[in-house]
Amino acid sequence: MTVRTLGKKFQNITINGNAVFIATLIAPQDNPHGLILRSCSNGREITYGTSRPTGDRFDLTQIRIPTAYLLTNDVFVPAGNGVFMNTSADFVIPVQMSWDVLNADGTVA
């Protein structure tokens, strides 16, 4: 059994799902060379795209990442894309995630 790499950057936050329908976890401007999303546990759908979805939380212009996929796999998010989460009507949504940012040559920073 291989050991998974944890990202060098971590985020442990709580989101109020009644106030926000789509939460920005990593903004597009914070991803200049791409990143590798190592883990994200929150039980909700994660998407990524070049801009934050507007209106409908199930915007089909975003690339969807199944929740269970991040438990065992890493996800490459291309440069200029942000990571977003669809919330639900819940006051307390914990999000624990880790990721690595990449250098311009594709190596982990």
PDB file of N, CA and C in Angstrom:
ATOM      1  N   MET A   1       0.841  -1.175   0.000  1.00  0.00           N
ATOM      2  CA  MET A   1       0.000   0.000   0.000  1.00  0.00           C
ATOM      3  C   MET A   1       0.889   1.243   0.000  1.00  0.00           C
ATOM      4  N   THR A   2       0.628   2.150  -0.914  1.00  0.00           N
ATOM      5  CA  THR A   2       1.427   3.365  -0.991  1.00  0.00           C
ATOM      6  C   THR A   2       0.901   4.413  -0.021  1.00  0.00           C
ATOM      7  N   VAL A   3       1.793   5.255   0.414  1.00  0.00           N
ATOM      8  CA  VAL A   3       1.418   6.339   1.318  1.00  0.00           C
ATOM      9  C   VAL A   3       1.130   7.575   0.476  1.00  0.00           C
ATOM     10  N   ARG A   4       0.015   8.227   0.727  1.00  0.00           N
ATOM     11  CA  ARG A   4      -0.327   9.443  -0.020  1.00  0.00           C
ATOM     12  C   ARG A   4       0.456  10.629   0.506  1.00  0.00           C
ATOM     13  N   THR A   5       0.809  11.517  -0.402  1.00  0.00           N
ATOM     14  CA  THR A   5       1.510  12.747  -0.039  1.00  0.00           C
ATOM     15  C   THR A   5       0.486  13.783   0.409  1.00  0.00           C
ATOM     16  N   LEU A   6       0.754  14.431   1.528  1.00  0.00           N
ATOM     17  CA  LEU A   6      -0.083  15.544   1.947  1.00  0.00           C
ATOM     18  C   LEU A   6       0.484  16.822   1.364  1.00  0.00           C
ATOM     19  N   GLY A   7      -0.391  17.732   0.991  1.00  0.00           N
ATOM     20  CA  GLY A   7       0.071  18.995   0.432  1.00  0.00           C
ATOM     21  C   GLY A   7       0.755  19.865   1.470  1.00  0.00           C
ATOM     22  N   LYS A   8       1.584  20.770   0.983  1.00  0.00           N
ATOM     23  CA  LYS A   8       2.292  21.687   1.871  1.00  0.00           C
ATOM     24  C   LYS A   8       1.386  22.792   2.392  1.00  0.00           C
ATOM     25  N   LYS A   9       0.283  23.045   1.699  1.00  0.00           N
ATOM     26  CA  LYS A   9      -0.661  24.069   2.131  1.00  0.00           C
ATOM     27  C   LYS A   9      -1.908  23.379   2.690  1.00  0.00           C
ATOM     28  N   PHE A  10      -2.412  23.898   3.802  1.00  0.00           N
ATOM     29  CA  PHE A  10      -3.575  23.326   4.449  1.00  0.00           C
ATOM     30  C   PHE A  10      -4.622  24.401   4.689  1.00  0.00           C
ATOM     31  N   GLN A  11      -5.859  23.961   4.738  1.00  0.00           N
ATOM     32  CA  GLN A  11      -6.954  24.877   5.062  1.00  0.00           C
ATOM     33  C   GLN A  11      -7.977  24.096   5.871  1.00  0.00           C
ATOM     34  N   ASN A  12      -8.273  24.541   7.045  1.00  0.00           N
ATOM     35  CA  ASN A  12      -9.295  23.958   7.907  1.00  0.00           C
ATOM     36  C   ASN A  12     -10.240  25.080   8.292  1.00  0.00           C
ATOM     37  N   ILE A  13     -11.362  25.160   7.594  1.00  0.00           N
ATOM     38  CA  ILE A  13     -12.292  26.268   7.809  1.00  0.00           C
ATOM     39  C   ILE A  13     -13.709  25.736   8.034  1.00  0.00           C
ATOM     40  N   THR A  14     -14.579  26.616   8.469  1.00  0.00           N
ATOM     41  CA  THR A  14     -15.997  26.309   8.594  1.00  0.00           C
ATOM     42  C   THR A  14     -16.764  27.338   7.774  1.00  0.00           C
ATOM     43  N   ILE A  15     -17.677  26.842   6.942  1.00  0.00           N
ATOM     44  CA  ILE A  15     -18.454  27.709   6.051  1.00  0.00           C
ATOM     45  C   ILE A  15     -19.916  27.680   6.481  1.00  0.00           C
ATOM     46  N   ASN A  16     -20.568  28.834   6.447  1.00  0.00           N
ATOM     47  CA  ASN A  16     -21.999  28.933   6.716  1.00  0.00           C
ATOM     48  C   ASN A  16     -22.740  28.722   5.396  1.00  0.00           C
ATOM     49  N   GLY A  17     -23.282  27.534   5.206  1.00  0.00           N
ATOM     50  CA  GLY A  17     -23.976  27.203   3.969  1.00  0.00           C
ATOM     51  C   GLY A  17     -25.273  27.948   3.761  1.00  0.00           C
ATOM     52  N   ASN A  18     -25.833  28.523   4.812  1.00  0.00           N
ATOM     53  CA  ASN A  18     -27.052  29.321   4.655  1.00  0.00           C
ATOM     54  C   ASN A  18     -26.754  30.705   4.103  1.00  0.00           C
ATOM     55  N   ALA A  19     -25.514  31.148   4.212  1.00  0.00           N
ATOM     56  CA  ALA A  19     -25.140  32.481   3.732  1.00  0.00           C
ATOM     57  C   ALA A  19     -24.528  32.427   2.338  1.00  0.00           C
ATOM     58  N   VAL A  20     -23.926  31.310   1.978  1.00  0.00           N
ATOM     59  CA  VAL A  20     -23.190  31.207   0.719  1.00  0.00           C
ATOM     60  C   VAL A  20     -23.593  29.914   0.021  1.00  0.00           C
ATOM     61  N   PHE A  21     -23.975  29.979  -1.257  1.00  0.00           N
ATOM     62  CA  PHE A  21     -24.344  28.767  -1.996  1.00  0.00           C
ATOM     63  C   PHE A  21     -23.143  28.129  -2.668  1.00  0.00           C
ATOM     64  N   ILE A  22     -22.190  28.956  -3.083  1.00  0.00           N
ATOM     65  CA  ILE A  22     -20.970  28.454  -3.713  1.00  0.00           C
ATOM     66  C   ILE A  22     -19.797  29.119  -3.012  1.00  0.00           C
ATOM     67  N   ALA A  23     -18.987  28.322  -2.333  1.00  0.00           N
ATOM     68  CA  ALA A  23     -17.855  28.845  -1.581  1.00  0.00           C
ATOM     69  C   ALA A  23     -16.589  28.742  -2.417  1.00  0.00           C
ATOM     70  N   THR A  24     -15.771  29.795  -2.395  1.00  0.00           N
ATOM     71  CA  THR A  24     -14.485  29.786  -3.070  1.00  0.00           C
ATOM     72  C   THR A  24     -13.442  29.250  -2.106  1.00  0.00           C
ATOM     73  N   LEU A  25     -12.874  28.082  -2.423  1.00  0.00           N
ATOM     74  CA  LEU A  25     -11.840  27.494  -1.579  1.00  0.00           C
ATOM     75  C   LEU A  25     -10.458  27.984  -1.992  1.00  0.00           C
ATOM     76  N   ILE A  26     -10.198  28.038  -3.292  1.00  0.00           N
ATOM     77  CA  ILE A  26      -8.952  28.592  -3.829  1.00  0.00           C
ATOM     78  C   ILE A  26      -9.348  29.479  -5.006  1.00  0.00           C
ATOM     79  N   ALA A  27      -9.004  30.746  -4.937  1.00  0.00           N
ATOM     80  CA  ALA A  27      -9.376  31.695  -5.986  1.00  0.00           C
ATOM     81  C   ALA A  27      -8.516  31.476  -7.240  1.00  0.00           C
ATOM     82  N   PRO A  28      -9.056  31.755  -8.432  1.00  0.00           N
ATOM     83  CA  PRO A  28      -8.287  31.585  -9.671  1.00  0.00           C
ATOM     84  C   PRO A  28      -6.977  32.382  -9.682  1.00  0.00           C
ATOM     85  N   GLN A  29      -6.964  33.571  -9.098  1.00  0.00           N
ATOM     86  CA  GLN A  29      -5.743  34.383  -9.087  1.00  0.00           C
ATOM     87  C   GLN A  29      -4.682  33.815  -8.150  1.00  0.00           C
ATOM     88  N   ASP A  30      -5.055  32.898  -7.267  1.00  0.00           N
ATOM     89  CA  ASP A  30      -4.091  32.253  -6.376  1.00  0.00           C
ATOM     90  C   ASP A  30      -3.494  30.986  -6.994  1.00  0.00           C
ATOM     91  N   ASN A  31      -3.778  30.743  -8.255  1.00  0.00           N
ATOM     92  CA  ASN A  31      -3.312  29.545  -8.946  1.00  0.00           C
ATOM     93  C   ASN A  31      -2.626  29.921 -10.264  1.00  0.00           C
ATOM     94  N   PRO A  32      -1.449  30.565 -10.204  1.00  0.00           N
ATOM     95  CA  PRO A  32      -0.810  31.047 -11.434  1.00  0.00           C
ATOM     96  C   PRO A  32      -0.165  29.959 -12.293  1.00  0.00           C
ATOM     97  N   HIS A  33       0.281  28.854 -11.685  1.00  0.00           N
ATOM     98  CA  HIS A  33       0.987  27.813 -12.450  1.00  0.00           C
ATOM     99  C   HIS A  33       0.352  26.445 -12.331  1.00  0.00           C
ATOM    100  N   GLY A  34      -0.780  26.345 -11.685  1.00  0.00           N
ATOM    101  CA  GLY A  34      -1.439  25.068 -11.467  1.00  0.00           C
ATOM    102  C   GLY A  34      -1.220  24.581 -10.049  1.00  0.00           C
ATOM    103  N   LEU A  35      -2.040  23.636  -9.631  1.00  0.00           N
ATOM    104  CA  LEU A  35      -1.897  23.068  -8.303  1.00  0.00           C
ATOM    105  C   LEU A  35      -2.372  21.621  -8.311  1.00  0.00           C
ATOM    106  N   ILE A  36      -1.955  20.894  -7.291  1.00  0.00           N
ATOM    107  CA  ILE A  36      -2.393  19.519  -7.106  1.00  0.00           C
ATOM    108  C   ILE A  36      -3.197  19.476  -5.815  1.00  0.00           C
ATOM    109  N   LEU A  37      -4.480  19.189  -5.952  1.00  0.00           N
ATOM    110  CA  LEU A  37      -5.359  19.073  -4.796  1.00  0.00           C
ATOM    111  C   LEU A  37      -5.146  17.684  -4.209  1.00  0.00           C
ATOM    112  N   ARG A  38      -4.579  17.623  -3.014  1.00  0.00           N
ATOM    113  CA  ARG A  38      -4.196  16.345  -2.400  1.00  0.00           C
ATOM    114  C   ARG A  38      -5.339  15.699  -1.627  1.00  0.00           C
ATOM    115  N   SER A  39      -6.091  16.502  -0.906  1.00  0.00           N
ATOM    116  CA  SER A  39      -7.194  15.946  -0.123  1.00  0.00           C
ATOM    117  C   SER A  39      -8.225  17.033   0.129  1.00  0.00           C
ATOM    118  N   CYS A  40      -9.458  16.602   0.286  1.00  0.00           N
ATOM    119  CA  CYS A  40     -10.527  17.523   0.650  1.00  0.00           C
ATOM    120  C   CYS A  40     -11.657  16.695   1.237  1.00  0.00           C
ATOM    121  N   SER A  41     -11.929  16.893   2.506  1.00  0.00           N
ATOM    122  CA  SER A  41     -13.004  16.135   3.133  1.00  0.00           C
ATOM    123  C   SER A  41     -14.072  17.095   3.624  1.00  0.00           C
ATOM    124  N   ASN A  42     -15.221  17.004   3.011  1.00  0.00           N
ATOM    125  CA  ASN A  42     -16.349  17.816   3.452  1.00  0.00           C
ATOM    126  C   ASN A  42     -17.683  17.201   3.057  1.00  0.00           C
ATOM    127  N   GLY A  43     -17.687  16.167   2.236  1.00  0.00           N
ATOM    128  CA  GLY A  43     -18.929  15.512   1.853  1.00  0.00           C
ATOM    129  C   GLY A  43     -19.759  16.269   0.844  1.00  0.00           C
ATOM    130  N   ARG A  44     -19.203  17.324   0.254  1.00  0.00           N
ATOM    131  CA  ARG A  44     -19.939  18.098  -0.736  1.00  0.00           C
ATOM    132  C   ARG A  44     -19.166  18.148  -2.043  1.00  0.00           C
ATOM    133  N   GLU A  45     -19.852  18.523  -3.094  1.00  0.00           N
ATOM    134  CA  GLU A  45     -19.244  18.515  -4.415  1.00  0.00           C
ATOM    135  C   GLU A  45     -18.235  19.645  -4.588  1.00  0.00           C
ATOM    136  N   ILE A  46     -17.079  19.298  -5.136  1.00  0.00           N
ATOM    137  CA  ILE A  46     -16.030  20.256  -5.448  1.00  0.00           C
ATOM    138  C   ILE A  46     -16.016  20.448  -6.960  1.00  0.00           C
ATOM    139  N   THR A  47     -15.873  21.692  -7.401  1.00  0.00           N
ATOM    140  CA  THR A  47     -15.751  21.974  -8.831  1.00  0.00           C
ATOM    141  C   THR A  47     -14.553  22.890  -9.036  1.00  0.00           C
ATOM    142  N   TYR A  48     -14.079  22.960 -10.292  1.00  0.00           N
ATOM    143  CA  TYR A  48     -13.064  23.964 -10.606  1.00  0.00           C
ATOM    144  C   TYR A  48     -13.331  24.545 -11.977  1.00  0.00           C
ATOM    145  N   GLY A  49     -12.921  25.800 -12.135  1.00  0.00           N
ATOM    146  CA  GLY A  49     -13.118  26.519 -13.377  1.00  0.00           C
ATOM    147  C   GLY A  49     -12.409  27.862 -13.321  1.00  0.00           C
ATOM    148  N   THR A  50     -12.448  28.592 -14.427  1.00  0.00           N
ATOM    149  CA  THR A  50     -11.722  29.853 -14.511  1.00  0.00           C
ATOM    150  C   THR A  50     -12.396  30.992 -13.752  1.00  0.00           C
ATOM    151  N   SER A  51     -13.663  30.838 -13.417  1.00  0.00           N
ATOM    152  CA  SER A  51     -14.354  31.869 -12.643  1.00  0.00           C
ATOM    153  C   SER A  51     -15.365  31.209 -11.719  1.00  0.00           C
ATOM    154  N   ARG A  52     -15.746  31.951 -10.698  1.00  0.00           N
ATOM    155  CA  ARG A  52     -16.729  31.434  -9.740  1.00  0.00           C
ATOM    156  C   ARG A  52     -18.072  31.300 -10.437  1.00  0.00           C
ATOM    157  N   PRO A  53     -18.745  30.153 -10.261  1.00  0.00           N
ATOM    158  CA  PRO A  53     -20.066  29.995 -10.883  1.00  0.00           C
ATOM    159  C   PRO A  53     -21.029  31.058 -10.367  1.00  0.00           C
ATOM    160  N   THR A  54     -21.911  31.496 -11.216  1.00  0.00           N
ATOM    161  CA  THR A  54     -22.905  32.483 -10.805  1.00  0.00           C
ATOM    162  C   THR A  54     -24.283  31.846 -10.845  1.00  0.00           C
ATOM    163  N   GLY A  55     -25.115  32.258  -9.948  1.00  0.00           N
ATOM    164  CA  GLY A  55     -26.493  31.769  -9.947  1.00  0.00           C
ATOM    165  C   GLY A  55     -26.612  30.331  -9.503  1.00  0.00           C
ATOM    166  N   ASP A  56     -26.929  29.460 -10.450  1.00  0.00           N
ATOM    167  CA  ASP A  56     -27.206  28.061 -10.161  1.00  0.00           C
ATOM    168  C   ASP A  56     -25.978  27.356  -9.602  1.00  0.00           C
ATOM    169  N   ARG A  57     -26.128  26.706  -8.471  1.00  0.00           N
ATOM    170  CA  ARG A  57     -25.000  26.001  -7.868  1.00  0.00           C
ATOM    171  C   ARG A  57     -24.581  24.777  -8.667  1.00  0.00           C
ATOM    172  N   PHE A  58     -25.383  24.326  -9.602  1.00  0.00           N
ATOM    173  CA  PHE A  58     -25.051  23.179 -10.433  1.00  0.00           C
ATOM    174  C   PHE A  58     -24.706  23.637 -11.847  1.00  0.00           C
ATOM    175  N   ASP A  59     -23.902  24.668 -11.938  1.00  0.00           N
ATOM    176  CA  ASP A  59     -23.457  25.242 -13.200  1.00  0.00           C
ATOM    177  C   ASP A  59     -22.651  24.211 -13.979  1.00  0.00           C
ATOM    178  N   LEU A  60     -23.063  23.903 -15.187  1.00  0.00           N
ATOM    179  CA  LEU A  60     -22.412  22.859 -15.979  1.00  0.00           C
ATOM    180  C   LEU A  60     -21.130  23.327 -16.659  1.00  0.00           C
ATOM    181  N   THR A  61     -20.762  24.607 -16.510  1.00  0.00           N
ATOM    182  CA  THR A  61     -19.507  25.075 -17.096  1.00  0.00           C
ATOM    183  C   THR A  61     -18.312  24.698 -16.223  1.00  0.00           C
ATOM    184  N   GLN A  62     -18.560  24.230 -15.020  1.00  0.00           N
ATOM    185  CA  GLN A  62     -17.500  23.841 -14.098  1.00  0.00           C
ATOM    186  C   GLN A  62     -17.186  22.351 -14.240  1.00  0.00           C
ATOM    187  N   ILE A  63     -15.939  21.972 -13.969  1.00  0.00           N
ATOM    188  CA  ILE A  63     -15.548  20.567 -13.951  1.00  0.00           C
ATOM    189  C   ILE A  63     -15.803  20.054 -12.548  1.00  0.00           C
ATOM    190  N   ARG A  64     -16.556  18.980 -12.432  1.00  0.00           N
ATOM    191  CA  ARG A  64     -16.940  18.438 -11.136  1.00  0.00           C
ATOM    192  C   ARG A  64     -15.990  17.335 -10.700  1.00  0.00           C
ATOM    193  N   ILE A  65     -15.681  17.321  -9.412  1.00  0.00           N
ATOM    194  CA  ILE A  65     -14.842  16.284  -8.825  1.00  0.00           C
ATOM    195  C   ILE A  65     -15.706  15.539  -7.816  1.00  0.00           C
ATOM    196  N   PRO A  66     -15.949  14.252  -8.023  1.00  0.00           N
ATOM    197  CA  PRO A  66     -16.756  13.503  -7.049  1.00  0.00           C
ATOM    198  C   PRO A  66     -16.103  13.527  -5.675  1.00  0.00           C
ATOM    199  N   THR A  67     -16.915  13.614  -4.650  1.00  0.00           N
ATOM    200  CA  THR A  67     -16.426  13.728  -3.282  1.00  0.00           C
ATOM    201  C   THR A  67     -15.519  12.561  -2.897  1.00  0.00           C
ATOM    202  N   ALA A  68     -15.928  11.347  -3.219  1.00  0.00           N
ATOM    203  CA  ALA A  68     -15.164  10.163  -2.818  1.00  0.00           C
ATOM    204  C   ALA A  68     -13.836  10.060  -3.566  1.00  0.00           C
ATOM    205  N   TYR A  69     -13.710  10.697  -4.726  1.00  0.00           N
ATOM    206  CA  TYR A  69     -12.487  10.610  -5.527  1.00  0.00           C
ATOM    207  C   TYR A  69     -11.286  11.179  -4.775  1.00  0.00           C
ATOM    208  N   LEU A  70     -11.491  12.258  -4.046  1.00  0.00           N
ATOM    209  CA  LEU A  70     -10.390  12.912  -3.333  1.00  0.00           C
ATOM    210  C   LEU A  70      -9.921  12.153  -2.097  1.00  0.00           C
ATOM    211  N   LEU A  71     -10.645  11.114  -1.708  1.00  0.00           N
ATOM    212  CA  LEU A  71     -10.201  10.312  -0.577  1.00  0.00           C
ATOM    213  C   LEU A  71      -8.999   9.447  -0.933  1.00  0.00           C
ATOM    214  N   THR A  72      -8.861   9.087  -2.204  1.00  0.00           N
ATOM    215  CA  THR A  72      -7.779   8.181  -2.611  1.00  0.00           C
ATOM    216  C   THR A  72      -6.939   8.696  -3.768  1.00  0.00           C
ATOM    217  N   ASN A  73      -7.302   9.816  -4.370  1.00  0.00           N
ATOM    218  CA  ASN A  73      -6.607  10.311  -5.553  1.00  0.00           C
ATOM    219  C   ASN A  73      -6.281  11.791  -5.445  1.00  0.00           C
ATOM    220  N   ASP A  74      -5.231  12.195  -6.156  1.00  0.00           N
ATOM    221  CA  ASP A  74      -4.886  13.607  -6.284  1.00  0.00           C
ATOM    222  C   ASP A  74      -5.533  14.148  -7.549  1.00  0.00           C
ATOM    223  N   VAL A  75      -5.811  15.448  -7.562  1.00  0.00           N
ATOM    224  CA  VAL A  75      -6.424  16.081  -8.730  1.00  0.00           C
ATOM    225  C   VAL A  75      -5.564  17.262  -9.159  1.00  0.00           C
ATOM    226  N   PHE A  76      -5.196  17.297 -10.440  1.00  0.00           N
ATOM    227  CA  PHE A  76      -4.464  18.430 -10.996  1.00  0.00           C
ATOM    228  C   PHE A  76      -5.466  19.486 -11.420  1.00  0.00           C
ATOM    229  N   VAL A  77      -5.290  20.706 -10.909  1.00  0.00           N
ATOM    230  CA  VAL A  77      -6.136  21.838 -11.289  1.00  0.00           C
ATOM    231  C   VAL A  77      -5.269  22.765 -12.133  1.00  0.00           C
ATOM    232  N   PRO A  78      -5.592  22.944 -13.427  1.00  0.00           N
ATOM    233  CA  PRO A  78      -4.758  23.760 -14.312  1.00  0.00           C
ATOM    234  C   PRO A  78      -4.632  25.211 -13.857  1.00  0.00           C
ATOM    235  N   ALA A  79      -3.597  25.865 -14.324  1.00  0.00           N
ATOM    236  CA  ALA A  79      -3.331  27.267 -13.993  1.00  0.00           C
ATOM    237  C   ALA A  79      -4.529  28.141 -14.347  1.00  0.00           C
ATOM    238  N   GLY A  80      -4.797  29.115 -13.493  1.00  0.00           N
ATOM    239  CA  GLY A  80      -5.885  30.056 -13.741  1.00  0.00           C
ATOM    240  C   GLY A  80      -7.257  29.563 -13.342  1.00  0.00           C
ATOM    241  N   ASN A  81      -7.345  28.356 -12.793  1.00  0.00           N
ATOM    242  CA  ASN A  81      -8.624  27.809 -12.350  1.00  0.00           C
ATOM    243  C   ASN A  81      -8.728  27.902 -10.840  1.00  0.00           C
ATOM    244  N   GLY A  82      -9.912  28.201 -10.357  1.00  0.00           N
ATOM    245  CA  GLY A  82     -10.171  28.229  -8.934  1.00  0.00           C
ATOM    246  C   GLY A  82     -10.882  26.958  -8.505  1.00  0.00           C
ATOM    247  N   VAL A  83     -10.889  26.701  -7.213  1.00  0.00           N
ATOM    248  CA  VAL A  83     -11.574  25.536  -6.653  1.00  0.00           C
ATOM    249  C   VAL A  83     -12.758  26.046  -5.833  1.00  0.00           C
ATOM    250  N   PHE A  84     -13.932  25.489  -6.107  1.00  0.00           N
ATOM    251  CA  PHE A  84     -15.168  25.957  -5.489  1.00  0.00           C
ATOM    252  C   PHE A  84     -15.921  24.772  -4.884  1.00  0.00           C
ATOM    253  N   MET A  85     -16.800  25.063  -3.939  1.00  0.00           N
ATOM    254  CA  MET A  85     -17.585  24.019  -3.305  1.00  0.00           C
ATOM    255  C   MET A  85     -19.050  24.408  -3.291  1.00  0.00           C
ATOM    256  N   ASN A  86     -19.904  23.479  -3.712  1.00  0.00           N
ATOM    257  CA  ASN A  86     -21.341  23.683  -3.602  1.00  0.00           C
ATOM    258  C   ASN A  86     -21.753  23.358  -2.179  1.00  0.00           C
ATOM    259  N   THR A  87     -22.459  24.267  -1.534  1.00  0.00           N
ATOM    260  CA  THR A  87     -22.851  24.070  -0.143  1.00  0.00           C
ATOM    261  C   THR A  87     -24.293  23.600  -0.067  1.00  0.00           C
ATOM    262  N   SER A  88     -24.765  23.399   1.138  1.00  0.00           N
ATOM    263  CA  SER A  88     -26.161  23.066   1.379  1.00  0.00           C
ATOM    264  C   SER A  88     -26.673  23.978   2.493  1.00  0.00           C
ATOM    265  N   ALA A  89     -27.945  23.889   2.785  1.00  0.00           N
ATOM    266  CA  ALA A  89     -28.535  24.744   3.811  1.00  0.00           C
ATOM    267  C   ALA A  89     -28.147  24.227   5.194  1.00  0.00           C
ATOM    268  N   ASP A  90     -26.917  24.450   5.551  1.00  0.00           N
ATOM    269  CA  ASP A  90     -26.368  23.995   6.819  1.00  0.00           C
ATOM    270  C   ASP A  90     -25.510  25.133   7.368  1.00  0.00           C
ATOM    271  N   PHE A  91     -25.651  25.442   8.635  1.00  0.00           N
ATOM    272  CA  PHE A  91     -24.894  26.545   9.211  1.00  0.00           C
ATOM    273  C   PHE A  91     -23.419  26.226   9.381  1.00  0.00           C
ATOM    274  N   VAL A  92     -23.088  24.965   9.618  1.00  0.00           N
ATOM    275  CA  VAL A  92     -21.715  24.590   9.918  1.00  0.00           C
ATOM    276  C   VAL A  92     -21.247  23.519   8.928  1.00  0.00           C
ATOM    277  N   ILE A  93     -20.400  23.922   7.971  1.00  0.00           N
ATOM    278  CA  ILE A  93     -19.828  22.985   7.001  1.00  0.00           C
ATOM    279  C   ILE A  93     -18.312  23.022   7.169  1.00  0.00           C
ATOM    280  N   PRO A  94     -17.740  22.011   7.818  1.00  0.00           N
ATOM    281  CA  PRO A  94     -16.278  21.991   7.977  1.00  0.00           C
ATOM    282  C   PRO A  94     -15.600  21.562   6.685  1.00  0.00           C
ATOM    283  N   VAL A  95     -14.495  22.206   6.367  1.00  0.00           N
ATOM    284  CA  VAL A  95     -13.714  21.866   5.176  1.00  0.00           C
ATOM    285  C   VAL A  95     -12.262  21.693   5.600  1.00  0.00           C
ATOM    286  N   GLN A  96     -11.731  20.506   5.386  1.00  0.00           N
ATOM    287  CA  GLN A  96     -10.328  20.235   5.638  1.00  0.00           C
ATOM    288  C   GLN A  96      -9.721  19.829   4.302  1.00  0.00           C
ATOM    289  N   MET A  97      -8.731  20.580   3.852  1.00  0.00           N
ATOM    290  CA  MET A  97      -8.138  20.277   2.554  1.00  0.00           C
ATOM    291  C   MET A  97      -6.648  20.584   2.560  1.00  0.00           C
ATOM    292  N   SER A  98      -5.923  19.918   1.658  1.00  0.00           N
ATOM    293  CA  SER A  98      -4.502  20.200   1.480  1.00  0.00           C
ATOM    294  C   SER A  98      -4.191  20.186  -0.004  1.00  0.00           C
ATOM    295  N   TRP A  99      -3.187  20.980  -0.400  1.00  0.00           N
ATOM    296  CA  TRP A  99      -2.799  21.067  -1.799  1.00  0.00           C
ATOM    297  C   TRP A  99      -1.364  21.532  -1.908  1.00  0.00           C
ATOM    298  N   ASP A 100      -0.807  21.321  -3.095  1.00  0.00           N
ATOM    299  CA  ASP A 100       0.530  21.814  -3.432  1.00  0.00           C
ATOM    300  C   ASP A 100       0.412  22.733  -4.636  1.00  0.00           C
ATOM    301  N   VAL A 101       1.080  23.868  -4.588  1.00  0.00           N
ATOM    302  CA  VAL A 101       1.142  24.743  -5.759  1.00  0.00           C
ATOM    303  C   VAL A 101       2.339  24.319  -6.596  1.00  0.00           C
ATOM    304  N   LEU A 102       2.289  24.597  -7.882  1.00  0.00           N
ATOM    305  CA  LEU A 102       3.347  24.211  -8.801  1.00  0.00           C
ATOM    306  C   LEU A 102       4.139  25.414  -9.264  1.00  0.00           C
ATOM    307  N   ASN A 103       5.421  25.187  -9.584  1.00  0.00           N
ATOM    308  CA  ASN A 103       6.244  26.203 -10.207  1.00  0.00           C
ATOM    309  C   ASN A 103       5.930  26.254 -11.692  1.00  0.00           C
ATOM    310  N   ALA A 104       6.469  27.212 -12.398  1.00  0.00           N
ATOM    311  CA  ALA A 104       6.229  27.355 -13.829  1.00  0.00           C
ATOM    312  C   ALA A 104       6.692  26.137 -14.617  1.00  0.00           C
ATOM    313  N   ASP A 105       7.712  25.423 -14.111  1.00  0.00           N
ATOM    314  CA  ASP A 105       8.192  24.237 -14.821  1.00  0.00           C
ATOM    315  C   ASP A 105       7.458  22.960 -14.450  1.00  0.00           C
ATOM    316  N   GLY A 106       6.447  23.055 -13.593  1.00  0.00           N
ATOM    317  CA  GLY A 106       5.624  21.908 -13.236  1.00  0.00           C
ATOM    318  C   GLY A 106       6.061  21.169 -11.990  1.00  0.00           C
ATOM    319  N   THR A 107       7.144  21.599 -11.350  1.00  0.00           N
ATOM    320  CA  THR A 107       7.582  20.952 -10.120  1.00  0.00           C
ATOM    321  C   THR A 107       6.814  21.537  -8.932  1.00  0.00           C
ATOM    322  N   VAL A 108       6.729  20.764  -7.857  1.00  0.00           N
ATOM    323  CA  VAL A 108       6.048  21.218  -6.665  1.00  0.00           C
ATOM    324  C   VAL A 108       6.873  22.311  -5.997  1.00  0.00           C
ATOM    325  N   ALA A 109       6.210  23.435  -5.701  1.00  0.00           N
ATOM    326  CA  ALA A 109       6.894  24.572  -5.074  1.00  0.00           C
ATOM    327  C   ALA A 109       7.199  24.297  -3.623  1.00  0.00           C
TER     328      ALA A 109
END
